[in-house]
Amino acid sequence: MALEVKDGGERGILIRGIDPVMAHCLRRVPEILAQRDSTSVRERLYPDARPGEPARGEEWRRLVGPELRHLFEAAAETYRTDLAAFDERRGEIAFPAEHRAAWMSAINQARLVLAEMHQLTEADLSRTELGPVSMREVALLEVQALGYLLHLLVEHAGDS
């Protein structure tokens, strides 16, 4: 069965057809998000509002940074809590529809963290084949798999 995101009725949003690779990627998201505070990642998640204007960038981070951090952490916690319902045997998970934005945020954050930590480029992200096994190639696979799931969640949101 192919990976799909669909309306799960009372269960909310249902993701099914989760194979072992996607299951691994889903379980890794909280661990990846724990790396958010490294310097380069922080710069990626909280970029300068006005590049080339350090004073304005610092002011923006001071005013907006704490709220963004709160939103990022809340999304990660919602994701982590919902992930406990993952039924590996059936290859599916359901979570409340109102958690969709949190899932999308957590998955996107994880992709940004991995891309920054492993210095993945646009050329890397458009590759269709992986190279020899390395941590960088595993990160690329995770970014691509999570990107596909994010795409399905966005499509489902448009259908709702």
Protein backbone atom coordinates (compact mmCIF):
# COMPACT_ATOMS: atom_id res chain seq x y z
CA MET A 1 0.00 0.00 0.00
CA ALA A 2 1.32 3.44 -0.92
CA LEU A 3 1.64 6.16 1.68
CA GLU A 4 -1.54 8.20 1.87
CA VAL A 5 -3.11 10.91 3.98
CA LYS A 6 -6.86 10.80 4.24
CA ASP A 7 -9.82 11.76 6.36
CA GLY A 8 -10.05 9.29 9.22
CA GLY A 9 -13.55 10.34 10.29
CA GLU A 10 -13.78 10.62 14.06
CA ARG A 11 -10.12 9.69 14.27
CA GLY A 12 -9.16 12.91 12.46
CA ILE A 13 -6.40 12.64 9.87
CA LEU A 14 -5.20 9.17 8.98
CA ILE A 15 -1.77 8.46 7.53
CA ARG A 16 -1.53 4.90 6.30
CA GLY A 17 0.81 2.80 4.21
CA ILE A 18 3.72 3.76 6.48
CA ASP A 19 6.60 1.50 5.53
CA PRO A 20 9.64 0.86 7.77
CA VAL A 21 11.65 3.71 6.21
CA MET A 22 8.89 6.26 6.78
CA ALA A 23 8.30 4.83 10.28
CA HIS A 24 11.98 5.43 11.05
CA CYS A 25 11.72 9.01 9.74
CA LEU A 26 8.58 9.71 11.80
CA ARG A 27 10.18 8.38 14.98
CA ARG A 28 13.33 10.45 14.37
CA VAL A 29 11.56 13.83 14.17
CA PRO A 30 11.64 14.53 17.95
CA GLU A 31 15.34 13.57 18.10
CA ILE A 32 16.10 15.82 15.13
CA LEU A 33 14.18 18.71 16.67
CA ALA A 34 16.32 18.42 19.79
CA GLN A 35 19.17 19.79 17.63
CA ARG A 36 17.34 23.09 16.98
CA ASP A 37 19.60 25.12 19.25
CA SER A 38 22.89 24.58 17.45
CA THR A 39 24.18 27.89 16.09
CA SER A 40 23.81 27.24 12.35
CA VAL A 41 20.38 25.68 12.78
CA ARG A 42 19.18 28.54 14.94
CA GLU A 43 20.25 30.96 12.19
CA ARG A 44 18.27 28.92 9.66
CA LEU A 45 15.12 28.81 11.82
CA TYR A 46 15.38 32.46 12.89
CA PRO A 47 16.88 34.23 9.86
CA ASP A 48 17.52 37.97 9.69
CA ALA A 49 14.35 39.83 8.81
CA ARG A 50 16.43 42.36 6.90
CA PRO A 51 19.71 40.80 5.72
CA GLY A 52 22.55 43.29 5.86
CA GLU A 53 20.93 45.26 8.67
CA PRO A 54 22.24 43.59 11.84
CA ALA A 55 20.54 46.01 14.25
CA ARG A 56 17.13 45.37 12.70
CA GLY A 57 17.78 41.63 12.64
CA GLU A 58 18.68 41.66 16.33
CA GLU A 59 15.55 43.67 17.15
CA TRP A 60 13.40 41.26 15.14
CA ARG A 61 14.89 38.25 16.93
CA ARG A 62 14.34 39.94 20.30
CA LEU A 63 10.69 40.72 19.54
CA VAL A 64 9.66 37.67 17.52
CA GLY A 65 12.13 34.98 18.57
CA PRO A 66 10.52 33.97 21.88
CA GLU A 67 7.07 33.57 20.30
CA LEU A 68 8.48 31.60 17.36
CA ARG A 69 10.36 29.36 19.76
CA HIS A 70 7.16 28.80 21.76
CA LEU A 71 5.28 27.90 18.56
CA PHE A 72 8.07 25.56 17.43
CA GLU A 73 8.16 23.82 20.82
CA ALA A 74 4.36 23.51 20.99
CA ALA A 75 4.28 21.94 17.53
CA ALA A 76 7.03 19.51 18.48
CA GLU A 77 5.20 18.51 21.67
CA THR A 78 1.91 17.98 19.83
CA TYR A 79 3.72 15.85 17.25
CA ARG A 80 5.54 13.83 19.93
CA THR A 81 2.30 13.20 21.85
CA ASP A 82 0.38 12.18 18.71
CA LEU A 83 3.20 9.90 17.57
CA ALA A 84 2.57 7.68 20.61
CA ALA A 85 -0.53 6.42 18.77
CA PHE A 86 1.53 5.10 15.84
CA ASP A 87 0.41 1.55 15.06
CA GLU A 88 3.51 0.05 13.53
CA ARG A 89 1.84 -3.31 12.92
CA ARG A 90 -0.84 -1.70 10.73
CA GLY A 91 1.50 0.98 9.34
CA GLU A 92 -0.80 3.84 10.24
CA ILE A 93 -1.37 6.72 12.58
CA ALA A 94 -4.35 8.96 13.19
CA PHE A 95 -4.31 12.33 14.91
CA PRO A 96 -6.85 15.14 15.43
CA ALA A 97 -7.40 17.31 12.36
CA GLU A 98 -6.66 20.41 14.42
CA HIS A 99 -3.10 19.08 14.89
CA ARG A 100 -2.33 19.18 11.16
CA ALA A 101 -0.54 22.55 11.38
CA ALA A 102 1.60 21.29 14.28
CA TRP A 103 2.55 18.18 12.32
CA MET A 104 3.43 20.26 9.28
CA SER A 105 5.50 22.63 11.42
CA ALA A 106 7.37 19.84 13.21
CA ILE A 107 8.10 17.98 9.97
CA ASN A 108 9.26 21.16 8.23
CA GLN A 109 11.46 22.12 11.17
CA ALA A 110 13.03 18.64 11.13
CA ARG A 111 13.76 18.98 7.42
CA LEU A 112 15.39 22.40 7.95
CA VAL A 113 17.46 21.11 10.88
CA LEU A 114 18.71 18.11 8.88
CA ALA A 115 19.46 20.20 5.81
CA GLU A 116 21.45 22.70 7.85
CA MET A 117 23.29 20.13 9.98
CA HIS A 118 24.38 18.18 6.90
CA GLN A 119 24.81 21.20 4.60
CA LEU A 120 22.40 19.78 2.03
CA THR A 121 22.13 21.89 -1.10
CA GLU A 122 19.32 22.32 -3.63
CA ALA A 123 21.29 20.01 -5.92
CA ASP A 124 21.34 17.36 -3.18
CA LEU A 125 17.61 17.70 -2.61
CA SER A 126 16.83 17.21 -6.30
CA ARG A 127 18.91 14.03 -6.61
CA THR A 128 16.98 10.87 -7.38
CA GLU A 129 19.66 8.41 -6.28
CA LEU A 130 21.55 8.13 -3.04
CA GLY A 131 25.30 7.82 -2.87
CA PRO A 132 27.35 5.49 -0.67
CA VAL A 133 25.87 5.10 2.81
CA SER A 134 26.89 7.94 5.09
CA MET A 135 25.18 10.06 7.74
CA ARG A 136 24.74 12.78 5.11
CA GLU A 137 23.01 10.39 2.70
CA VAL A 138 20.74 9.09 5.49
CA ALA A 139 19.86 12.71 6.34
CA LEU A 140 19.09 13.35 2.66
CA LEU A 141 16.78 10.32 2.58
CA GLU A 142 15.03 11.55 5.74
CA VAL A 143 14.61 15.06 4.31
CA GLN A 144 13.14 13.67 1.09
CA ALA A 145 10.82 11.19 2.85
CA LEU A 146 9.56 13.82 5.29
CA GLY A 147 9.16 16.24 2.38
CA TYR A 148 6.93 13.75 0.62
CA LEU A 149 4.79 13.34 3.72
CA LEU A 150 4.63 17.13 4.12
CA HIS A 151 3.49 17.36 0.50
CA LEU A 152 0.70 14.84 1.17
CA LEU A 153 -0.40 16.76 4.28
CA VAL A 154 -0.54 20.01 2.28
CA GLU A 155 -2.54 18.32 -0.49
CA HIS A 156 -4.95 16.88 2.08
CA ALA A 157 -5.39 20.31 3.63
CA GLY A 158 -6.36 21.66 0.22
CA ASP A 159 -8.92 18.89 -0.23
CA SER A 160 -10.53 19.48 3.15
